[in-house]
């Protein structure tokens, strides 16, 4: 499954690849990130470093943003292509299996300024939007 968000304009874009994860716990809840600066929600994940494996990037970002140790599935389940401001981003979506919630996040200074917070919500609530 693939989806395009936004519209390409005749400007110079910064290219970025990202990974996003969908992770459930044993209570049938998924983890979601709230970004206070912008007032929006997103799935855990972020930029893939040059030559970094998607699975490693997703597992790294899950630990940093949620404090959760995860194991990601092999196959990408969906992609999005996004045109936002001067950013062209392709995101790859994977299922992840929760191994342990350490409770310790490692946010970057920018993520702290943006007010990132994670929480668990029921799959039903997530589907309702």
C-alpha atoms as a PDB file:
ATOM      1  CA  UNK A   1       0.000   0.000   0.000  1.00  0.00           C
ATOM      2  CA  UNK A   2       1.306   3.474  -0.880  1.00  0.00           C
ATOM      3  CA  UNK A   3      -0.050   6.986  -0.334  1.00  0.00           C
ATOM      4  CA  UNK A   4       1.095  10.431  -1.505  1.00  0.00           C
ATOM      5  CA  UNK A   5       0.640  13.389   0.856  1.00  0.00           C
ATOM      6  CA  UNK A   6       0.920  16.964  -0.365  1.00  0.00           C
ATOM      7  CA  UNK A   7       1.750  18.266  -3.815  1.00  0.00           C
ATOM      8  CA  UNK A   8       5.128  18.691  -5.442  1.00  0.00           C
ATOM      9  CA  UNK A   9       5.958  22.297  -6.283  1.00  0.00           C
ATOM     10  CA  UNK A  10       8.687  23.791  -8.423  1.00  0.00           C
ATOM     11  CA  UNK A  11      11.155  24.319  -5.548  1.00  0.00           C
ATOM     12  CA  UNK A  12      14.297  22.614  -4.250  1.00  0.00           C
ATOM     13  CA  UNK A  13      13.507  19.837  -1.780  1.00  0.00           C
ATOM     14  CA  UNK A  14      15.571  18.163   0.901  1.00  0.00           C
ATOM     15  CA  UNK A  15      15.336  14.394   0.342  1.00  0.00           C
ATOM     16  CA  UNK A  16      14.759  12.181   3.383  1.00  0.00           C
ATOM     17  CA  UNK A  17      14.009   8.516   3.967  1.00  0.00           C
ATOM     18  CA  UNK A  18      12.238   7.549   7.184  1.00  0.00           C
ATOM     19  CA  UNK A  19      10.926   4.488   8.951  1.00  0.00           C
ATOM     20  CA  UNK A  20       7.739   4.335  11.053  1.00  0.00           C
ATOM     21  CA  UNK A  21       6.657   1.514  13.310  1.00  0.00           C
ATOM     22  CA  UNK A  22       3.333   0.137  14.460  1.00  0.00           C
ATOM     23  CA  UNK A  23       3.858  -1.567  17.790  1.00  0.00           C
ATOM     24  CA  UNK A  24       1.231  -3.256  19.994  1.00  0.00           C
ATOM     25  CA  UNK A  25       1.459  -4.290  23.598  1.00  0.00           C
ATOM     26  CA  UNK A  26      -0.321  -7.221  25.254  1.00  0.00           C
ATOM     27  CA  UNK A  27      -3.358  -4.993  26.031  1.00  0.00           C
ATOM     28  CA  UNK A  28      -4.071  -4.489  22.301  1.00  0.00           C
ATOM     29  CA  UNK A  29      -2.821  -0.891  22.471  1.00  0.00           C
ATOM     30  CA  UNK A  30      -0.453   0.851  20.077  1.00  0.00           C
ATOM     31  CA  UNK A  31       2.119   3.467  20.961  1.00  0.00           C
ATOM     32  CA  UNK A  32       1.698   6.895  19.394  1.00  0.00           C
ATOM     33  CA  UNK A  33       3.715  10.108  19.603  1.00  0.00           C
ATOM     34  CA  UNK A  34       2.089  13.480  20.320  1.00  0.00           C
ATOM     35  CA  UNK A  35       4.006  16.522  19.068  1.00  0.00           C
ATOM     36  CA  UNK A  36       2.936  19.510  21.158  1.00  0.00           C
ATOM     37  CA  UNK A  37       4.606  22.069  18.855  1.00  0.00           C
ATOM     38  CA  UNK A  38       2.270  21.588  15.897  1.00  0.00           C
ATOM     39  CA  UNK A  39      -0.445  19.755  17.817  1.00  0.00           C
ATOM     40  CA  UNK A  40      -0.328  16.497  15.862  1.00  0.00           C
ATOM     41  CA  UNK A  41       0.167  12.769  16.329  1.00  0.00           C
ATOM     42  CA  UNK A  42       2.564  10.445  14.548  1.00  0.00           C
ATOM     43  CA  UNK A  43       3.876   6.934  14.727  1.00  0.00           C
ATOM     44  CA  UNK A  44       7.287   6.371  16.320  1.00  0.00           C
ATOM     45  CA  UNK A  45      10.196   6.513  13.929  1.00  0.00           C
ATOM     46  CA  UNK A  46      12.299   8.938  12.001  1.00  0.00           C
ATOM     47  CA  UNK A  47      15.119   9.456   9.584  1.00  0.00           C
ATOM     48  CA  UNK A  48      17.190   6.609   8.236  1.00  0.00           C
ATOM     49  CA  UNK A  49      20.920   7.359   8.358  1.00  0.00           C
ATOM     50  CA  UNK A  50      22.957   6.817   5.157  1.00  0.00           C
ATOM     51  CA  UNK A  51      23.609   3.085   4.678  1.00  0.00           C
ATOM     52  CA  UNK A  52      21.487   2.252   7.761  1.00  0.00           C
ATOM     53  CA  UNK A  53      19.267  -0.836   7.632  1.00  0.00           C
ATOM     54  CA  UNK A  54      15.535  -0.066   7.939  1.00  0.00           C
ATOM     55  CA  UNK A  55      15.089  -2.542  10.785  1.00  0.00           C
ATOM     56  CA  UNK A  56      18.006  -1.109  12.731  1.00  0.00           C
ATOM     57  CA  UNK A  57      16.695   2.453  12.202  1.00  0.00           C
ATOM     58  CA  UNK A  58      13.196   1.510  13.386  1.00  0.00           C
ATOM     59  CA  UNK A  59      14.454  -0.360  16.442  1.00  0.00           C
ATOM     60  CA  UNK A  60      16.795   2.550  17.280  1.00  0.00           C
ATOM     61  CA  UNK A  61      14.053   5.183  16.934  1.00  0.00           C
ATOM     62  CA  UNK A  62      11.573   3.108  18.981  1.00  0.00           C
ATOM     63  CA  UNK A  63      14.060   2.972  21.840  1.00  0.00           C
ATOM     64  CA  UNK A  64      14.909   6.682  21.592  1.00  0.00           C
ATOM     65  CA  UNK A  65      11.335   8.000  21.319  1.00  0.00           C
ATOM     66  CA  UNK A  66       9.398   5.510  23.472  1.00  0.00           C
ATOM     67  CA  UNK A  67      11.951   3.670  25.595  1.00  0.00           C
ATOM     68  CA  UNK A  68      10.719   0.401  24.062  1.00  0.00           C
ATOM     69  CA  UNK A  69      12.955  -2.416  22.914  1.00  0.00           C
ATOM     70  CA  UNK A  70      11.317  -3.919  19.813  1.00  0.00           C
ATOM     71  CA  UNK A  71      11.926  -6.476  17.096  1.00  0.00           C
ATOM     72  CA  UNK A  72      10.636  -5.393  13.703  1.00  0.00           C
ATOM     73  CA  UNK A  73       9.053  -7.602  11.080  1.00  0.00           C
ATOM     74  CA  UNK A  74      11.078  -8.165   7.915  1.00  0.00           C
ATOM     75  CA  UNK A  75       8.630  -6.819   5.357  1.00  0.00           C
ATOM     76  CA  UNK A  76       7.563  -3.241   4.811  1.00  0.00           C
ATOM     77  CA  UNK A  77       3.757  -3.085   4.986  1.00  0.00           C
ATOM     78  CA  UNK A  78       3.168   0.385   3.481  1.00  0.00           C
ATOM     79  CA  UNK A  79       4.863   3.561   2.283  1.00  0.00           C
ATOM     80  CA  UNK A  80       4.002   7.234   2.119  1.00  0.00           C
ATOM     81  CA  UNK A  81       5.547   9.898  -0.073  1.00  0.00           C
ATOM     82  CA  UNK A  82       5.220  13.339   1.454  1.00  0.00           C
ATOM     83  CA  UNK A  83       5.781  16.805   0.000  1.00  0.00           C
ATOM     84  CA  UNK A  84       5.816  19.267   2.923  1.00  0.00           C
ATOM     85  CA  UNK A  85       7.356  22.742   2.829  1.00  0.00           C
ATOM     86  CA  UNK A  86      10.838  22.055   1.369  1.00  0.00           C
ATOM     87  CA  UNK A  87      10.930  18.389   2.458  1.00  0.00           C
ATOM     88  CA  UNK A  88      10.362  15.371   0.225  1.00  0.00           C
ATOM     89  CA  UNK A  89      10.119  12.338   2.505  1.00  0.00           C
ATOM     90  CA  UNK A  90       9.446   8.699   1.782  1.00  0.00           C
ATOM     91  CA  UNK A  91       8.414   6.759   4.900  1.00  0.00           C
ATOM     92  CA  UNK A  92       8.445   2.968   5.192  1.00  0.00           C
ATOM     93  CA  UNK A  93       6.003   1.392   7.665  1.00  0.00           C
ATOM     94  CA  UNK A  94       6.720  -1.815   9.604  1.00  0.00           C
ATOM     95  CA  UNK A  95       5.084  -3.860  12.331  1.00  0.00           C
ATOM     96  CA  UNK A  96       7.166  -4.212  15.475  1.00  0.00           C
ATOM     97  CA  UNK A  97       6.910  -6.561  18.431  1.00  0.00           C
ATOM     98  CA  UNK A  98       7.383  -5.158  21.917  1.00  0.00           C
ATOM     99  CA  UNK A  99      10.136  -6.929  23.841  1.00  0.00           C
ATOM    100  CA  UNK A 100      10.418  -4.608  26.838  1.00  0.00           C
ATOM    101  CA  UNK A 101       9.306  -1.104  27.844  1.00  0.00           C
ATOM    102  CA  UNK A 102      12.268   0.407  29.699  1.00  0.00           C
ATOM    103  CA  UNK A 103      10.454   3.659  30.451  1.00  0.00           C
ATOM    104  CA  UNK A 104      13.600   5.605  29.504  1.00  0.00           C
ATOM    105  CA  UNK A 105      13.436   7.837  26.418  1.00  0.00           C
ATOM    106  CA  UNK A 106      16.410   9.514  24.718  1.00  0.00           C
ATOM    107  CA  UNK A 107      14.926  12.494  22.892  1.00  0.00           C
ATOM    108  CA  UNK A 108      17.056  14.894  20.880  1.00  0.00           C
ATOM    109  CA  UNK A 109      17.134  18.572  21.823  1.00  0.00           C
ATOM    110  CA  UNK A 110      14.820  19.341  18.854  1.00  0.00           C
ATOM    111  CA  UNK A 111      12.363  16.637  19.968  1.00  0.00           C
ATOM    112  CA  UNK A 112      12.332  18.077  23.494  1.00  0.00           C
ATOM    113  CA  UNK A 113      11.692  21.587  22.112  1.00  0.00           C
ATOM    114  CA  UNK A 114       8.872  20.187  19.927  1.00  0.00           C
ATOM    115  CA  UNK A 115       7.324  18.607  23.039  1.00  0.00           C
ATOM    116  CA  UNK A 116       7.331  14.957  21.950  1.00  0.00           C
ATOM    117  CA  UNK A 117       5.417  12.668  24.296  1.00  0.00           C
ATOM    118  CA  UNK A 118       4.456   9.059  23.758  1.00  0.00           C
ATOM    119  CA  UNK A 119       1.478   7.143  25.033  1.00  0.00           C
ATOM    120  CA  UNK A 120      -0.461   3.939  24.517  1.00  0.00           C
ATOM    121  CA  UNK A 121      -3.975   4.003  23.029  1.00  0.00           C
ATOM    122  CA  UNK A 122      -6.363   1.217  22.150  1.00  0.00           C
ATOM    123  CA  UNK A 123      -6.362   0.016  18.567  1.00  0.00           C
ATOM    124  CA  UNK A 124     -10.100   0.878  18.471  1.00  0.00           C
ATOM    125  CA  UNK A 125      -9.383   4.490  19.451  1.00  0.00           C
ATOM    126  CA  UNK A 126      -6.604   4.744  16.883  1.00  0.00           C
ATOM    127  CA  UNK A 127      -8.907   3.465  14.132  1.00  0.00           C
ATOM    128  CA  UNK A 128     -11.562   6.063  15.010  1.00  0.00           C
ATOM    129  CA  UNK A 129      -8.982   8.847  14.560  1.00  0.00           C
END
